Amino acid sequence: MPDEAGDARFEEIDAALHAVYCDACHPAGGGVVGLGGRLAGQWRPYLARAITQIQDGEWLIPKAMERKMSDFSDEEIDALLNYYARHPQPND
């Protein structure tokens, strides 16, 4: 069960952003050992803080993700936060 209701403003773009930019390392918002951690079902404030820390260089992340994070607009980040907050954690 998702922990937050989705924001209808983003429902047309959030899944598309995830599919294009995030799904390879975070399939269905889940984690893959050695690639990316679980995003789906996380609390929105936690993910927002993590993104800020990534953008500020406080987290060591793969260069590919660093480039992607620097290219996202604030609206796209809000859309991704919306996507992960409204999706349950995928089954492993």
Foldseek 3Di string as FASTA:
>chain_A
DFPDDFDVVQPVPQVVCCVVQPCVQQPVQDHDVPGGHRQARDQLVVVVVVLVCLQVVNDDHDPSVSVVSVPDDPVNSVSNSRSRRGGHTDDD
